[in-house]
Amino acid sequence: MNREEITLLGFEIVAYAGDARSRLLEALSAAQAGDYDKAESLVEAAGECITNAHKAQTSLLQKEALGEDLAFSVTLMHGQDHLMTTLLLKDMMKHMIELYRRSNR
């Protein structure tokens, strides 16, 4: 893959991770309002976005594992950062939604 292709892959990861992050924050707002079904649905939708980001990331890892020399891209690094923080946010949202649910029983 050339630098441009890797940069585009980085943008793809950023976009999917950003969509997931937005849905997760929306899920927190839904949980705060007591709409737990909506919150869980949004967490699930975020998971689908994360899966798409992970597929893009995996394609890159496979190419490198096969010995392809990959160009460095700050955009890809930025995408990786977004994906990792979004994965952490998803884990935290599950716990926070459950805390809201328990506190409102």
PDB file of N, CA and C in Angstrom:
ATOM      1  N   MET A   1       0.846  -1.189   0.000  1.00  0.00           N
ATOM      2  CA  MET A   1       0.000   0.000   0.000  1.00  0.00           C
ATOM      3  C   MET A   1       0.880   1.237   0.000  1.00  0.00           C
ATOM      4  N   ASN A   2       0.462   2.208  -0.776  1.00  0.00           N
ATOM      5  CA  ASN A   2       1.236   3.449  -0.775  1.00  0.00           C
ATOM      6  C   ASN A   2       0.720   4.376   0.334  1.00  0.00           C
ATOM      7  N   ARG A   3       1.403   5.474   0.507  1.00  0.00           N
ATOM      8  CA  ARG A   3       1.080   6.417   1.586  1.00  0.00           C
ATOM      9  C   ARG A   3      -0.350   6.940   1.478  1.00  0.00           C
ATOM     10  N   GLU A   4      -0.785   7.238   0.270  1.00  0.00           N
ATOM     11  CA  GLU A   4      -2.140   7.765   0.077  1.00  0.00           C
ATOM     12  C   GLU A   4      -3.200   6.733   0.499  1.00  0.00           C
ATOM     13  N   GLU A   5      -2.984   5.487   0.135  1.00  0.00           N
ATOM     14  CA  GLU A   5      -3.933   4.425   0.508  1.00  0.00           C
ATOM     15  C   GLU A   5      -3.980   4.237   2.028  1.00  0.00           C
ATOM     16  N   ILE A   6      -2.840   4.312   2.655  1.00  0.00           N
ATOM     17  CA  ILE A   6      -2.788   4.175   4.111  1.00  0.00           C
ATOM     18  C   ILE A   6      -3.451   5.365   4.786  1.00  0.00           C
ATOM     19  N   THR A   7      -3.245   6.545   4.247  1.00  0.00           N
ATOM     20  CA  THR A   7      -3.893   7.735   4.786  1.00  0.00           C
ATOM     21  C   THR A   7      -5.408   7.615   4.666  1.00  0.00           C
ATOM     22  N   LEU A   8      -5.898   7.140   3.525  1.00  0.00           N
ATOM     23  CA  LEU A   8      -7.338   6.939   3.348  1.00  0.00           C
ATOM     24  C   LEU A   8      -7.875   5.901   4.329  1.00  0.00           C
ATOM     25  N   LEU A   9      -7.115   4.869   4.578  1.00  0.00           N
ATOM     26  CA  LEU A   9      -7.512   3.868   5.561  1.00  0.00           C
ATOM     27  C   LEU A   9      -7.579   4.500   6.955  1.00  0.00           C
ATOM     28  N   GLY A  10      -6.647   5.380   7.240  1.00  0.00           N
ATOM     29  CA  GLY A  10      -6.669   6.108   8.513  1.00  0.00           C
ATOM     30  C   GLY A  10      -7.927   6.947   8.648  1.00  0.00           C
ATOM     31  N   PHE A  11      -8.321   7.629   7.573  1.00  0.00           N
ATOM     32  CA  PHE A  11      -9.556   8.417   7.605  1.00  0.00           C
ATOM     33  C   PHE A  11     -10.774   7.525   7.813  1.00  0.00           C
ATOM     34  N   GLU A  12     -10.748   6.344   7.211  1.00  0.00           N
ATOM     35  CA  GLU A  12     -11.859   5.399   7.376  1.00  0.00           C
ATOM     36  C   GLU A  12     -11.988   4.986   8.840  1.00  0.00           C
ATOM     37  N   ILE A  13     -10.866   4.675   9.460  1.00  0.00           N
ATOM     38  CA  ILE A  13     -10.880   4.288  10.872  1.00  0.00           C
ATOM     39  C   ILE A  13     -11.363   5.445  11.736  1.00  0.00           C
ATOM     40  N   VAL A  14     -10.895   6.651  11.463  1.00  0.00           N
ATOM     41  CA  VAL A  14     -11.338   7.833  12.209  1.00  0.00           C
ATOM     42  C   VAL A  14     -12.851   8.003  12.080  1.00  0.00           C
ATOM     43  N   ALA A  15     -13.370   7.857  10.869  1.00  0.00           N
ATOM     44  CA  ALA A  15     -14.800   8.055  10.641  1.00  0.00           C
ATOM     45  C   ALA A  15     -15.626   7.027  11.408  1.00  0.00           C
ATOM     46  N   TYR A  16     -15.270   5.754  11.309  1.00  0.00           N
ATOM     47  CA  TYR A  16     -16.021   4.717  12.022  1.00  0.00           C
ATOM     48  C   TYR A  16     -15.907   4.900  13.538  1.00  0.00           C
ATOM     49  N   ALA A  17     -14.710   5.163  14.013  1.00  0.00           N
ATOM     50  CA  ALA A  17     -14.521   5.348  15.449  1.00  0.00           C
ATOM     51  C   ALA A  17     -15.261   6.593  15.941  1.00  0.00           C
ATOM     52  N   GLY A  18     -15.251   7.639  15.131  1.00  0.00           N
ATOM     53  CA  GLY A  18     -15.977   8.857  15.498  1.00  0.00           C
ATOM     54  C   GLY A  18     -17.477   8.640  15.571  1.00  0.00           C
ATOM     55  N   ASP A  19     -18.009   7.884  14.615  1.00  0.00           N
ATOM     56  CA  ASP A  19     -19.440   7.547  14.653  1.00  0.00           C
ATOM     57  C   ASP A  19     -19.761   6.738  15.905  1.00  0.00           C
ATOM     58  N   ALA A  20     -18.904   5.787  16.222  1.00  0.00           N
ATOM     59  CA  ALA A  20     -19.118   4.969  17.416  1.00  0.00           C
ATOM     60  C   ALA A  20     -19.079   5.830  18.667  1.00  0.00           C
ATOM     61  N   ARG A  21     -18.129   6.728  18.740  1.00  0.00           N
ATOM     62  CA  ARG A  21     -17.997   7.605  19.914  1.00  0.00           C
ATOM     63  C   ARG A  21     -19.251   8.453  20.085  1.00  0.00           C
ATOM     64  N   SER A  22     -19.760   8.997  18.995  1.00  0.00           N
ATOM     65  CA  SER A  22     -20.973   9.815  19.062  1.00  0.00           C
ATOM     66  C   SER A  22     -22.153   8.999  19.574  1.00  0.00           C
ATOM     67  N   ARG A  23     -22.289   7.782  19.086  1.00  0.00           N
ATOM     68  CA  ARG A  23     -23.393   6.916  19.535  1.00  0.00           C
ATOM     69  C   ARG A  23     -23.239   6.553  21.016  1.00  0.00           C
ATOM     70  N   LEU A  24     -22.020   6.334  21.448  1.00  0.00           N
ATOM     71  CA  LEU A  24     -21.795   5.998  22.852  1.00  0.00           C
ATOM     72  C   LEU A  24     -22.142   7.156  23.775  1.00  0.00           C
ATOM     73  N   LEU A  25     -21.774   8.358  23.381  1.00  0.00           N
ATOM     74  CA  LEU A  25     -22.125   9.523  24.198  1.00  0.00           C
ATOM     75  C   LEU A  25     -23.625   9.773  24.189  1.00  0.00           C
ATOM     76  N   GLU A  26     -24.269   9.498  23.062  1.00  0.00           N
ATOM     77  CA  GLU A  26     -25.724   9.596  22.977  1.00  0.00           C
ATOM     78  C   GLU A  26     -26.367   8.533  23.874  1.00  0.00           C
ATOM     79  N   ALA A  27     -25.755   7.358  23.949  1.00  0.00           N
ATOM     80  CA  ALA A  27     -26.253   6.288  24.815  1.00  0.00           C
ATOM     81  C   ALA A  27     -26.203   6.712  26.279  1.00  0.00           C
ATOM     82  N   LEU A  28     -25.148   7.401  26.658  1.00  0.00           N
ATOM     83  CA  LEU A  28     -25.046   7.889  28.026  1.00  0.00           C
ATOM     84  C   LEU A  28     -26.172   8.873  28.328  1.00  0.00           C
ATOM     85  N   SER A  29     -26.455   9.760  27.401  1.00  0.00           N
ATOM     86  CA  SER A  29     -27.559  10.714  27.590  1.00  0.00           C
ATOM     87  C   SER A  29     -28.894   9.988  27.719  1.00  0.00           C
ATOM     88  N   ALA A  30     -29.087   8.945  26.916  1.00  0.00           N
ATOM     89  CA  ALA A  30     -30.324   8.167  26.997  1.00  0.00           C
ATOM     90  C   ALA A  30     -30.438   7.487  28.357  1.00  0.00           C
ATOM     91  N   ALA A  31     -29.329   6.943  28.851  1.00  0.00           N
ATOM     92  CA  ALA A  31     -29.348   6.300  30.163  1.00  0.00           C
ATOM     93  C   ALA A  31     -29.637   7.314  31.261  1.00  0.00           C
ATOM     94  N   GLN A  32     -29.074   8.502  31.152  1.00  0.00           N
ATOM     95  CA  GLN A  32     -29.338   9.546  32.138  1.00  0.00           C
ATOM     96  C   GLN A  32     -30.823   9.899  32.172  1.00  0.00           C
ATOM     97  N   ALA A  33     -31.470   9.828  31.008  1.00  0.00           N
ATOM     98  CA  ALA A  33     -32.898  10.127  30.898  1.00  0.00           C
ATOM     99  C   ALA A  33     -33.767   8.919  31.254  1.00  0.00           C
ATOM    100  N   GLY A  34     -33.132   7.784  31.554  1.00  0.00           N
ATOM    101  CA  GLY A  34     -33.874   6.592  31.936  1.00  0.00           C
ATOM    102  C   GLY A  34     -34.327   5.724  30.776  1.00  0.00           C
ATOM    103  N   ASP A  35     -33.883   6.032  29.558  1.00  0.00           N
ATOM    104  CA  ASP A  35     -34.267   5.245  28.384  1.00  0.00           C
ATOM    105  C   ASP A  35     -33.180   4.196  28.111  1.00  0.00           C
ATOM    106  N   TYR A  36     -33.241   3.113  28.870  1.00  0.00           N
ATOM    107  CA  TYR A  36     -32.192   2.098  28.819  1.00  0.00           C
ATOM    108  C   TYR A  36     -32.230   1.270  27.549  1.00  0.00           C
ATOM    109  N   ASP A  37     -33.416   1.065  26.990  1.00  0.00           N
ATOM    110  CA  ASP A  37     -33.501   0.334  25.724  1.00  0.00           C
ATOM    111  C   ASP A  37     -32.789   1.100  24.618  1.00  0.00           C
ATOM    112  N   LYS A  38     -33.023   2.417  24.576  1.00  0.00           N
ATOM    113  CA  LYS A  38     -32.347   3.248  23.572  1.00  0.00           C
ATOM    114  C   LYS A  38     -30.840   3.245  23.821  1.00  0.00           C
ATOM    115  N   ALA A  39     -30.455   3.337  25.077  1.00  0.00           N
ATOM    116  CA  ALA A  39     -29.026   3.345  25.414  1.00  0.00           C
ATOM    117  C   ALA A  39     -28.357   2.063  24.931  1.00  0.00           C
ATOM    118  N   GLU A  40     -28.983   0.935  25.196  1.00  0.00           N
ATOM    119  CA  GLU A  40     -28.409  -0.336  24.774  1.00  0.00           C
ATOM    120  C   GLU A  40     -28.378  -0.469  23.259  1.00  0.00           C
ATOM    121  N   SER A  41     -29.397   0.037  22.599  1.00  0.00           N
ATOM    122  CA  SER A  41     -29.431   0.012  21.132  1.00  0.00           C
ATOM    123  C   SER A  41     -28.291   0.851  20.550  1.00  0.00           C
ATOM    124  N   LEU A  42     -28.040   1.991  21.157  1.00  0.00           N
ATOM    125  CA  LEU A  42     -26.960   2.856  20.686  1.00  0.00           C
ATOM    126  C   LEU A  42     -25.588   2.229  20.938  1.00  0.00           C
ATOM    127  N   VAL A  43     -25.436   1.543  22.047  1.00  0.00           N
ATOM    128  CA  VAL A  43     -24.173   0.847  22.321  1.00  0.00           C
ATOM    129  C   VAL A  43     -23.973  -0.253  21.278  1.00  0.00           C
ATOM    130  N   GLU A  44     -25.046  -0.940  20.927  1.00  0.00           N
ATOM    131  CA  GLU A  44     -24.950  -1.975  19.897  1.00  0.00           C
ATOM    132  C   GLU A  44     -24.573  -1.374  18.545  1.00  0.00           C
ATOM    133  N   ALA A  45     -25.191  -0.246  18.195  1.00  0.00           N
ATOM    134  CA  ALA A  45     -24.862   0.437  16.931  1.00  0.00           C
ATOM    135  C   ALA A  45     -23.406   0.893  16.936  1.00  0.00           C
ATOM    136  N   ALA A  46     -22.938   1.363  18.087  1.00  0.00           N
ATOM    137  CA  ALA A  46     -21.535   1.761  18.206  1.00  0.00           C
ATOM    138  C   ALA A  46     -20.631   0.565  17.986  1.00  0.00           C
ATOM    139  N   GLY A  47     -21.047  -0.582  18.495  1.00  0.00           N
ATOM    140  CA  GLY A  47     -20.269  -1.808  18.307  1.00  0.00           C
ATOM    141  C   GLY A  47     -20.110  -2.169  16.846  1.00  0.00           C
ATOM    142  N   GLU A  48     -21.161  -1.930  16.056  1.00  0.00           N
ATOM    143  CA  GLU A  48     -21.084  -2.195  14.615  1.00  0.00           C
ATOM    144  C   GLU A  48     -20.074  -1.264  13.944  1.00  0.00           C
ATOM    145  N   CYS A  49     -20.071  -0.005  14.364  1.00  0.00           N
ATOM    146  CA  CYS A  49     -19.088   0.947  13.820  1.00  0.00           C
ATOM    147  C   CYS A  49     -17.670   0.520  14.194  1.00  0.00           C
ATOM    148  N   ILE A  50     -17.501   0.088  15.432  1.00  0.00           N
ATOM    149  CA  ILE A  50     -16.188  -0.358  15.891  1.00  0.00           C
ATOM    150  C   ILE A  50     -15.742  -1.585  15.096  1.00  0.00           C
ATOM    151  N   THR A  51     -16.673  -2.477  14.810  1.00  0.00           N
ATOM    152  CA  THR A  51     -16.350  -3.662  13.996  1.00  0.00           C
ATOM    153  C   THR A  51     -15.843  -3.242  12.624  1.00  0.00           C
ATOM    154  N   ASN A  52     -16.486  -2.260  12.016  1.00  0.00           N
ATOM    155  CA  ASN A  52     -16.040  -1.776  10.705  1.00  0.00           C
ATOM    156  C   ASN A  52     -14.652  -1.146  10.783  1.00  0.00           C
ATOM    157  N   ALA A  53     -14.403  -0.388  11.831  1.00  0.00           N
ATOM    158  CA  ALA A  53     -13.074   0.209  12.010  1.00  0.00           C
ATOM    159  C   ALA A  53     -12.040  -0.897  12.204  1.00  0.00           C
ATOM    160  N   HIS A  54     -12.410  -1.898  12.972  1.00  0.00           N
ATOM    161  CA  HIS A  54     -11.493  -2.999  13.237  1.00  0.00           C
ATOM    162  C   HIS A  54     -11.187  -3.786  11.962  1.00  0.00           C
ATOM    163  N   LYS A  55     -12.174  -3.941  11.078  1.00  0.00           N
ATOM    164  CA  LYS A  55     -11.939  -4.624   9.800  1.00  0.00           C
ATOM    165  C   LYS A  55     -10.908  -3.863   8.965  1.00  0.00           C
ATOM    166  N   ALA A  56     -11.028  -2.540   8.952  1.00  0.00           N
ATOM    167  CA  ALA A  56     -10.057  -1.734   8.213  1.00  0.00           C
ATOM    168  C   ALA A  56      -8.662  -1.900   8.819  1.00  0.00           C
ATOM    169  N   GLN A  57      -8.601  -1.893  10.131  1.00  0.00           N
ATOM    170  CA  GLN A  57      -7.329  -2.062  10.823  1.00  0.00           C
ATOM    171  C   GLN A  57      -6.742  -3.447  10.547  1.00  0.00           C
ATOM    172  N   THR A  58      -7.579  -4.470  10.574  1.00  0.00           N
ATOM    173  CA  THR A  58      -7.122  -5.837  10.362  1.00  0.00           C
ATOM    174  C   THR A  58      -6.554  -6.023   8.961  1.00  0.00           C
ATOM    175  N   SER A  59      -7.167  -5.390   7.972  1.00  0.00           N
ATOM    176  CA  SER A  59      -6.646  -5.518   6.607  1.00  0.00           C
ATOM    177  C   SER A  59      -5.212  -4.999   6.532  1.00  0.00           C
ATOM    178  N   LEU A  60      -4.953  -3.948   7.261  1.00  0.00           N
ATOM    179  CA  LEU A  60      -3.606  -3.381   7.292  1.00  0.00           C
ATOM    180  C   LEU A  60      -2.636  -4.326   8.011  1.00  0.00           C
ATOM    181  N   LEU A  61      -3.073  -4.880   9.125  1.00  0.00           N
ATOM    182  CA  LEU A  61      -2.231  -5.810   9.869  1.00  0.00           C
ATOM    183  C   LEU A  61      -1.897  -7.045   9.044  1.00  0.00           C
ATOM    184  N   GLN A  62      -2.874  -7.525   8.275  1.00  0.00           N
ATOM    185  CA  GLN A  62      -2.645  -8.693   7.424  1.00  0.00           C
ATOM    186  C   GLN A  62      -1.590  -8.398   6.362  1.00  0.00           C
ATOM    187  N   LYS A  63      -1.674  -7.226   5.759  1.00  0.00           N
ATOM    188  CA  LYS A  63      -0.691  -6.853   4.733  1.00  0.00           C
ATOM    189  C   LYS A  63       0.712  -6.795   5.327  1.00  0.00           C
ATOM    190  N   GLU A  64       0.823  -6.212   6.500  1.00  0.00           N
ATOM    191  CA  GLU A  64       2.129  -6.126   7.130  1.00  0.00           C
ATOM    192  C   GLU A  64       2.642  -7.518   7.510  1.00  0.00           C
ATOM    193  N   ALA A  65       1.746  -8.375   7.999  1.00  0.00           N
ATOM    194  CA  ALA A  65       2.141  -9.737   8.366  1.00  0.00           C
ATOM    195  C   ALA A  65       2.634 -10.533   7.154  1.00  0.00           C
ATOM    196  N   LEU A  66       2.116 -10.198   5.979  1.00  0.00           N
ATOM    197  CA  LEU A  66       2.547 -10.872   4.754  1.00  0.00           C
ATOM    198  C   LEU A  66       3.829 -10.279   4.181  1.00  0.00           C
ATOM    199  N   GLY A  67       4.391  -9.302   4.887  1.00  0.00           N
ATOM    200  CA  GLY A  67       5.673  -8.743   4.482  1.00  0.00           C
ATOM    201  C   GLY A  67       5.606  -7.482   3.658  1.00  0.00           C
ATOM    202  N   GLU A  68       4.402  -6.956   3.453  1.00  0.00           N
ATOM    203  CA  GLU A  68       4.294  -5.721   2.675  1.00  0.00           C
ATOM    204  C   GLU A  68       4.850  -4.558   3.484  1.00  0.00           C
ATOM    205  N   ASP A  69       5.648  -3.739   2.841  1.00  0.00           N
ATOM    206  CA  ASP A  69       6.231  -2.562   3.481  1.00  0.00           C
ATOM    207  C   ASP A  69       5.191  -1.447   3.454  1.00  0.00           C
ATOM    208  N   LEU A  70       4.776  -0.999   4.625  1.00  0.00           N
ATOM    209  CA  LEU A  70       3.726   0.001   4.722  1.00  0.00           C
ATOM    210  C   LEU A  70       4.314   1.364   5.061  1.00  0.00           C
ATOM    211  N   ALA A  71       3.809   2.375   4.382  1.00  0.00           N
ATOM    212  CA  ALA A  71       4.264   3.742   4.627  1.00  0.00           C
ATOM    213  C   ALA A  71       3.673   4.257   5.928  1.00  0.00           C
ATOM    214  N   PHE A  72       4.400   5.133   6.595  1.00  0.00           N
ATOM    215  CA  PHE A  72       3.921   5.752   7.836  1.00  0.00           C
ATOM    216  C   PHE A  72       2.916   6.846   7.504  1.00  0.00           C
ATOM    217  N   SER A  73       1.870   6.921   8.299  1.00  0.00           N
ATOM    218  CA  SER A  73       0.866   7.959   8.106  1.00  0.00           C
ATOM    219  C   SER A  73       0.398   8.472   9.463  1.00  0.00           C
ATOM    220  N   VAL A  74       0.510   9.766   9.669  1.00  0.00           N
ATOM    221  CA  VAL A  74       0.015  10.375  10.904  1.00  0.00           C
ATOM    222  C   VAL A  74      -1.504  10.209  10.979  1.00  0.00           C
ATOM    223  N   THR A  75      -2.162  10.235   9.836  1.00  0.00           N
ATOM    224  CA  THR A  75      -3.611  10.055   9.807  1.00  0.00           C
ATOM    225  C   THR A  75      -3.977   8.664  10.312  1.00  0.00           C
ATOM    226  N   LEU A  76      -3.224   7.660   9.918  1.00  0.00           N
ATOM    227  CA  LEU A  76      -3.479   6.315  10.415  1.00  0.00           C
ATOM    228  C   LEU A  76      -3.233   6.251  11.921  1.00  0.00           C
ATOM    229  N   MET A  77      -2.170   6.871  12.371  1.00  0.00           N
ATOM    230  CA  MET A  77      -1.876   6.899  13.800  1.00  0.00           C
ATOM    231  C   MET A  77      -3.022   7.577  14.555  1.00  0.00           C
ATOM    232  N   HIS A  78      -3.551   8.643  13.999  1.00  0.00           N
ATOM    233  CA  HIS A  78      -4.691   9.347  14.583  1.00  0.00           C
ATOM    234  C   HIS A  78      -5.914   8.417  14.627  1.00  0.00           C
ATOM    235  N   GLY A  79      -6.131   7.671  13.565  1.00  0.00           N
ATOM    236  CA  GLY A  79      -7.239   6.716  13.527  1.00  0.00           C
ATOM    237  C   GLY A  79      -7.089   5.646  14.590  1.00  0.00           C
ATOM    238  N   GLN A  80      -5.884   5.142  14.750  1.00  0.00           N
ATOM    239  CA  GLN A  80      -5.624   4.136  15.775  1.00  0.00           C
ATOM    240  C   GLN A  80      -5.934   4.694  17.162  1.00  0.00           C
ATOM    241  N   ASP A  81      -5.537   5.936  17.385  1.00  0.00           N
ATOM    242  CA  ASP A  81      -5.795   6.595  18.666  1.00  0.00           C
ATOM    243  C   ASP A  81      -7.302   6.703  18.902  1.00  0.00           C
ATOM    244  N   HIS A  82      -8.031   7.129  17.888  1.00  0.00           N
ATOM    245  CA  HIS A  82      -9.494   7.240  18.007  1.00  0.00           C
ATOM    246  C   HIS A  82     -10.119   5.889  18.306  1.00  0.00           C
ATOM    247  N   LEU A  83      -9.668   4.868  17.612  1.00  0.00           N
ATOM    248  CA  LEU A  83     -10.240   3.534  17.806  1.00  0.00           C
ATOM    249  C   LEU A  83      -9.984   3.036  19.222  1.00  0.00           C
ATOM    250  N   MET A  84      -8.782   3.175  19.702  1.00  0.00           N
ATOM    251  CA  MET A  84      -8.455   2.680  21.041  1.00  0.00           C
ATOM    252  C   MET A  84      -9.244   3.419  22.121  1.00  0.00           C
ATOM    253  N   THR A  85      -9.357   4.731  22.019  1.00  0.00           N
ATOM    254  CA  THR A  85     -10.113   5.465  23.036  1.00  0.00           C
ATOM    255  C   THR A  85     -11.606   5.151  22.945  1.00  0.00           C
ATOM    256  N   THR A  86     -12.088   4.879  21.747  1.00  0.00           N
ATOM    257  CA  THR A  86     -13.498   4.529  21.579  1.00  0.00           C
ATOM    258  C   THR A  86     -13.777   3.146  22.159  1.00  0.00           C
ATOM    259  N   LEU A  87     -12.845   2.222  22.013  1.00  0.00           N
ATOM    260  CA  LEU A  87     -13.001   0.904  22.632  1.00  0.00           C
ATOM    261  C   LEU A  87     -13.092   1.031  24.153  1.00  0.00           C
ATOM    262  N   LEU A  88     -12.256   1.868  24.712  1.00  0.00           N
ATOM    263  CA  LEU A  88     -12.303   2.100  26.154  1.00  0.00           C
ATOM    264  C   LEU A  88     -13.622   2.752  26.549  1.00  0.00           C
ATOM    265  N   LEU A  89     -14.066   3.724  25.757  1.00  0.00           N
ATOM    266  CA  LEU A  89     -15.323   4.409  26.045  1.00  0.00           C
ATOM    267  C   LEU A  89     -16.489   3.422  26.012  1.00  0.00           C
ATOM    268  N   LYS A  90     -16.480   2.499  25.062  1.00  0.00           N
ATOM    269  CA  LYS A  90     -17.557   1.508  24.981  1.00  0.00           C
ATOM    270  C   LYS A  90     -17.608   0.674  26.255  1.00  0.00           C
ATOM    271  N   ASP A  91     -16.458   0.215  26.719  1.00  0.00           N
ATOM    272  CA  ASP A  91     -16.422  -0.558  27.963  1.00  0.00           C
ATOM    273  C   ASP A  91     -16.962   0.262  29.134  1.00  0.00           C
ATOM    274  N   MET A  92     -16.575   1.514  29.205  1.00  0.00           N
ATOM    275  CA  MET A  92     -17.032   2.384  30.294  1.00  0.00           C
ATOM    276  C   MET A  92     -18.535   2.657  30.202  1.00  0.00           C
ATOM    277  N   MET A  93     -19.039   2.847  28.997  1.00  0.00           N
ATOM    278  CA  MET A  93     -20.466   3.136  28.831  1.00  0.00           C
ATOM    279  C   MET A  93     -21.327   1.988  29.330  1.00  0.00           C
ATOM    280  N   LYS A  94     -20.914   0.762  29.067  1.00  0.00           N
ATOM    281  CA  LYS A  94     -21.679  -0.391  29.551  1.00  0.00           C
ATOM    282  C   LYS A  94     -21.813  -0.329  31.075  1.00  0.00           C
ATOM    283  N   HIS A  95     -20.732  -0.020  31.749  1.00  0.00           N
ATOM    284  CA  HIS A  95     -20.760   0.071  33.206  1.00  0.00           C
ATOM    285  C   HIS A  95     -21.582   1.271  33.679  1.00  0.00           C
ATOM    286  N   MET A  96     -21.422   2.394  33.018  1.00  0.00           N
ATOM    287  CA  MET A  96     -22.148   3.593  33.433  1.00  0.00           C
ATOM    288  C   MET A  96     -23.655   3.438  33.224  1.00  0.00           C
ATOM    289  N   ILE A  97     -24.040   2.830  32.122  1.00  0.00           N
ATOM    290  CA  ILE A  97     -25.463   2.605  31.866  1.00  0.00           C
ATOM    291  C   ILE A  97     -26.043   1.700  32.945  1.00  0.00           C
ATOM    292  N   GLU A  98     -25.301   0.679  33.320  1.00  0.00           N
ATOM    293  CA  GLU A  98     -25.768  -0.225  34.383  1.00  0.00           C
ATOM    294  C   GLU A  98     -25.864   0.514  35.712  1.00  0.00           C
ATOM    295  N   LEU A  99     -24.926   1.399  35.984  1.00  0.00           N
ATOM    296  CA  LEU A  99     -24.991   2.191  37.217  1.00  0.00           C
ATOM    297  C   LEU A  99     -26.236   3.077  37.228  1.00  0.00           C
ATOM    298  N   TYR A 100     -26.543   3.722  36.104  1.00  0.00           N
ATOM    299  CA  TYR A 100     -27.767   4.533  36.024  1.00  0.00           C
ATOM    300  C   TYR A 100     -28.993   3.656  36.243  1.00  0.00           C
ATOM    301  N   ARG A 101     -28.989   2.492  35.629  1.00  0.00           N
ATOM    302  CA  ARG A 101     -30.132   1.582  35.751  1.00  0.00           C
ATOM    303  C   ARG A 101     -30.342   1.190  37.228  1.00  0.00           C
ATOM    304  N   ARG A 102     -29.270   0.838  37.899  1.00  0.00           N
ATOM    305  CA  ARG A 102     -29.377   0.425  39.315  1.00  0.00           C
ATOM    306  C   ARG A 102     -29.779   1.566  40.224  1.00  0.00           C
ATOM    307  N   SER A 103     -29.292   2.761  39.932  1.00  0.00           N
ATOM    308  CA  SER A 103     -29.599   3.895  40.810  1.00  0.00           C
ATOM    309  C   SER A 103     -31.033   4.380  40.655  1.00  0.00           C
ATOM    310  N   ASN A 104     -31.676   3.996  39.557  1.00  0.00           N
ATOM    311  CA  ASN A 104     -33.056   4.441  39.326  1.00  0.00           C
ATOM    312  C   ASN A 104     -34.090   3.349  39.614  1.00  0.00           C
ATOM    313  N   ARG A 105     -33.670   2.274  40.243  1.00  0.00           N
ATOM    314  CA  ARG A 105     -34.618   1.196  40.577  1.00  0.00           C
ATOM    315  C   ARG A 105     -35.398   1.532  41.816  1.00  0.00           C
TER     316      ARG A 105
END
